[in-house]
C-alpha atoms as a PDB file:
ATOM      1  CA  MET A   1      -0.121  -0.228   0.320  1.00  0.00           C
ATOM      2  CA  VAL A   2       2.716   2.172   0.605  1.00  0.00           C
ATOM      3  CA  VAL A   3       4.335   1.767  -2.779  1.00  0.00           C
ATOM      4  CA  LEU A   4       0.892   2.287  -4.486  1.00  0.00           C
ATOM      5  CA  ILE A   5      -0.079   5.320  -2.875  1.00  0.00           C
ATOM      6  CA  PRO A   6       2.900   7.428  -4.856  1.00  0.00           C
ATOM      7  CA  TYR A   7       2.611   5.365  -8.174  1.00  0.00           C
ATOM      8  CA  ALA A   8      -0.853   6.221  -8.283  1.00  0.00           C
ATOM      9  CA  VAL A   9      -0.313   9.927  -7.477  1.00  0.00           C
ATOM     10  CA  TYR A  10       2.334   9.641 -10.182  1.00  0.00           C
ATOM     11  CA  VAL A  11      -0.141   8.263 -12.573  1.00  0.00           C
ATOM     12  CA  ILE A  12      -2.395  10.937 -12.362  1.00  0.00           C
ATOM     13  CA  VAL A  13      -0.134  13.705 -12.778  1.00  0.00           C
ATOM     14  CA  SER A  14       1.592  12.490 -15.310  1.00  0.00           C
ATOM     15  CA  MET A  15      -1.744  12.298 -16.801  1.00  0.00           C
ATOM     16  CA  PHE A  16      -3.330  15.291 -16.070  1.00  0.00           C
ATOM     17  CA  ILE A  17      -0.200  17.629 -15.816  1.00  0.00           C
ATOM     18  CA  VAL A  18       2.993  16.423 -17.317  1.00  0.00           C
ATOM     19  CA  ILE A  19       1.464  14.940 -20.860  1.00  0.00           C
ATOM     20  CA  PRO A  20      -0.539  17.717 -21.885  1.00  0.00           C
ATOM     21  CA  LYS A  21       2.290  20.113 -21.193  1.00  0.00           C
ATOM     22  CA  ALA A  22       4.739  17.834 -22.935  1.00  0.00           C
ATOM     23  CA  LYS A  23       2.473  18.077 -26.324  1.00  0.00           C
ATOM     24  CA  ASN A  24       2.045  22.028 -25.971  1.00  0.00           C
ATOM     25  CA  TRP A  25       5.582  22.039 -25.781  1.00  0.00           C
ATOM     26  CA  PHE A  26       6.130  19.637 -28.684  1.00  0.00           C
ATOM     27  CA  MET A  27       3.983  21.058 -30.567  1.00  0.00           C
ATOM     28  CA  ARG A  28       5.280  24.759 -30.376  1.00  0.00           C
ATOM     29  CA  HIS A  29       9.346  23.777 -31.229  1.00  0.00           C
ATOM     30  CA  LYS A  30       7.860  22.277 -34.118  1.00  0.00           C
ATOM     31  CA  TRP A  31       5.915  25.831 -35.075  1.00  0.00           C
ATOM     32  CA  HIS A  32       9.113  27.655 -33.928  1.00  0.00           C
ATOM     33  CA  GLN A  33      11.073  25.117 -36.603  1.00  0.00           C
ATOM     34  CA  TRP A  34       8.403  26.258 -39.203  1.00  0.00           C
ATOM     35  CA  ALA A  35       8.730  29.667 -38.433  1.00  0.00           C
ATOM     36  CA  SER A  36      12.293  29.546 -38.496  1.00  0.00           C
ATOM     37  CA  LEU A  37      12.348  28.305 -41.865  1.00  0.00           C
ATOM     38  CA  LEU A  38      10.262  31.229 -42.967  1.00  0.00           C
ATOM     39  CA  ASP A  39      12.577  33.641 -41.814  1.00  0.00           C
ATOM     40  CA  ALA A  40      14.805  33.506 -43.873  1.00  0.00           C
ATOM     41  CA  ASP A  41      16.967  36.036 -42.710  1.00  0.00           C
ATOM     42  CA  GLN A  42      16.610  34.880 -38.907  1.00  0.00           C
ATOM     43  CA  ASP A  43      15.824  38.175 -37.888  1.00  0.00           C
ATOM     44  CA  GLY A  44      12.530  37.323 -35.908  1.00  0.00           C
ATOM     45  CA  ILE A  45      10.567  39.223 -38.601  1.00  0.00           C
ATOM     46  CA  ILE A  46       9.027  37.100 -40.997  1.00  0.00           C
ATOM     47  CA  SER A  47       8.457  40.126 -43.968  1.00  0.00           C
ATOM     48  CA  SER A  48       8.264  40.118 -48.178  1.00  0.00           C
ATOM     49  CA  ASP A  49      12.222  39.765 -48.226  1.00  0.00           C
ATOM     50  CA  ASP A  50      11.931  36.292 -46.334  1.00  0.00           C
ATOM     51  CA  MET A  51       9.156  35.564 -48.727  1.00  0.00           C
ATOM     52  CA  LYS A  52      11.137  35.701 -51.770  1.00  0.00           C
ATOM     53  CA  LYS A  53      14.303  33.970 -50.446  1.00  0.00           C
ATOM     54  CA  THR A  54      12.191  31.716 -48.768  1.00  0.00           C
ATOM     55  CA  ASN A  55       9.955  30.377 -51.945  1.00  0.00           C
ATOM     56  CA  ALA A  56      12.946  28.878 -53.472  1.00  0.00           C
ATOM     57  CA  THR A  57      13.986  26.474 -50.453  1.00  0.00           C
ATOM     58  CA  LEU A  58      10.285  25.809 -50.508  1.00  0.00           C
ATOM     59  CA  GLU A  59      10.516  24.563 -53.337  1.00  0.00           C
ATOM     60  CA  GLN A  60      12.879  22.522 -53.631  1.00  0.00           C
ATOM     61  CA  LEU A  61      11.020  20.956 -50.673  1.00  0.00           C
ATOM     62  CA  ARG A  62       8.211  20.444 -53.281  1.00  0.00           C
ATOM     63  CA  LEU A  63      10.060  18.769 -55.826  1.00  0.00           C
ATOM     64  CA  ALA A  64      11.523  16.330 -52.993  1.00  0.00           C
ATOM     65  CA  ILE A  65       8.256  15.292 -51.188  1.00  0.00           C
ATOM     66  CA  GLY A  66       5.333  17.055 -52.625  1.00  0.00           C
ATOM     67  CA  ASP A  67       2.523  15.812 -54.937  1.00  0.00           C
ATOM     68  CA  ARG A  68       2.011  19.010 -56.840  1.00  0.00           C
ATOM     69  CA  ARG A  69       3.734  18.301 -60.292  1.00  0.00           C
ATOM     70  CA  THR A  70       4.204  22.007 -61.540  1.00  0.00           C
ATOM     71  CA  ALA A  71       5.745  24.662 -59.626  1.00  0.00           C
ATOM     72  CA  LEU A  72       3.649  27.655 -58.202  1.00  0.00           C
ATOM     73  CA  ASN A  73       3.914  31.192 -60.105  1.00  0.00           C
ATOM     74  CA  ALA A  74       4.825  34.285 -58.618  1.00  0.00           C
ATOM     75  CA  ASP A  75       1.155  35.509 -57.851  1.00  0.00           C
ATOM     76  CA  ALA A  76       0.090  31.743 -56.218  1.00  0.00           C
ATOM     77  CA  GLN A  77       3.000  32.034 -54.107  1.00  0.00           C
ATOM     78  CA  THR A  78       2.104  35.645 -52.939  1.00  0.00           C
ATOM     79  CA  LYS A  79      -1.703  34.370 -52.319  1.00  0.00           C
ATOM     80  CA  TRP A  80      -0.150  31.627 -50.814  1.00  0.00           C
ATOM     81  CA  TRP A  81       1.694  33.946 -48.079  1.00  0.00           C
ATOM     82  CA  ASP A  82      -0.716  36.415 -48.045  1.00  0.00           C
ATOM     83  CA  ASP A  83      -3.285  33.681 -47.066  1.00  0.00           C
ATOM     84  CA  HIS A  84      -1.399  31.497 -44.288  1.00  0.00           C
ATOM     85  CA  ILE A  85       1.845  33.721 -43.106  1.00  0.00           C
ATOM     86  CA  PHE A  86       1.236  36.602 -43.265  1.00  0.00           C
ATOM     87  CA  LYS A  87      -1.962  37.211 -40.576  1.00  0.00           C
ATOM     88  CA  ARG A  88      -2.004  41.433 -40.779  1.00  0.00           C
ATOM     89  CA  GLY A  89      -2.982  41.607 -44.091  1.00  0.00           C
ATOM     90  CA  ALA A  90      -1.624  41.569 -46.928  1.00  0.00           C
ATOM     91  CA  ASP A  91       2.098  41.712 -47.223  1.00  0.00           C
ATOM     92  CA  LYS A  92       2.358  42.604 -43.600  1.00  0.00           C
ATOM     93  CA  HIS A  93       5.453  41.750 -41.733  1.00  0.00           C
ATOM     94  CA  ILE A  94       4.799  39.509 -38.467  1.00  0.00           C
ATOM     95  CA  SER A  95       7.518  38.870 -36.008  1.00  0.00           C
ATOM     96  CA  VAL A  96       8.106  34.965 -35.615  1.00  0.00           C
ATOM     97  CA  GLU A  97       6.913  34.566 -31.507  1.00  0.00           C
ATOM     98  CA  ASP A  98       3.567  36.519 -33.185  1.00  0.00           C
ATOM     99  CA  TYR A  99       3.204  33.942 -35.851  1.00  0.00           C
ATOM    100  CA  VAL A 100       3.532  30.741 -32.826  1.00  0.00           C
ATOM    101  CA  ALA A 101       1.112  32.278 -30.483  1.00  0.00           C
ATOM    102  CA  TYR A 102      -1.177  32.600 -33.458  1.00  0.00           C
ATOM    103  CA  LEU A 103      -0.519  29.275 -34.432  1.00  0.00           C
ATOM    104  CA  GLU A 104      -0.843  28.094 -30.497  1.00  0.00           C
ATOM    105  CA  GLY A 105      -3.904  30.352 -30.922  1.00  0.00           C
ATOM    106  CA  ILE A 106      -5.320  28.192 -33.685  1.00  0.00           C
ATOM    107  CA  TYR A 107      -4.368  24.912 -32.442  1.00  0.00           C
ATOM    108  CA  ASN A 108      -7.491  22.169 -31.963  1.00  0.00           C
ATOM    109  CA  PRO A 109      -5.855  18.681 -31.766  1.00  0.00           C
ATOM    110  CA  ALA A 110      -9.486  17.604 -33.142  1.00  0.00           C
ATOM    111  CA  ASP A 111      -9.394  20.070 -36.054  1.00  0.00           C
ATOM    112  CA  MET A 112      -5.832  20.246 -36.858  1.00  0.00           C
ATOM    113  CA  GLY A 113      -5.471  18.223 -39.947  1.00  0.00           C
ATOM    114  CA  ASN A 114      -8.452  20.946 -41.851  1.00  0.00           C
ATOM    115  CA  LYS A 115      -6.519  24.189 -40.464  1.00  0.00           C
ATOM    116  CA  MET A 116      -3.358  23.262 -41.845  1.00  0.00           C
ATOM    117  CA  ARG A 117      -3.872  20.699 -44.908  1.00  0.00           C
ATOM    118  CA  PRO A 118      -4.455  23.885 -46.741  1.00  0.00           C
ATOM    119  CA  VAL A 119      -1.090  25.030 -45.760  1.00  0.00           C
ATOM    120  CA  ILE A 120       0.922  22.283 -46.819  1.00  0.00           C
ATOM    121  CA  THR A 121      -1.400  21.206 -49.996  1.00  0.00           C
ATOM    122  CA  GLY A 122      -1.654  24.964 -51.385  1.00  0.00           C
ATOM    123  CA  PHE A 123       2.395  24.910 -51.423  1.00  0.00           C
ATOM    124  CA  PHE A 124       3.429  21.412 -52.318  1.00  0.00           C
END
């Protein structure tokens, strides 16, 4: 009994406190990696200059793993950035932290696939 009670407390604390926090930390870490990829000059601001530099990297990813057979034209790339990255309006810069905070705000594990699928399939 002496061993069972601390073990039960450990399991309950893990299930309701540690595991949810670990999931949030993991997602935040992945969102930071994604935002860092988008921030080509690593100045902490995702800007239209970053968009131009990052499009080449995203195009290489599309060729390696994407389903799309042809590249997006310049107008379609700009529209993709405006719809999915620049959340303050077309061509308005956003900080990496603000973008990650936006992703945290929309995070719902049950519906995340529906929200993120257009971001991925739109370019790739």
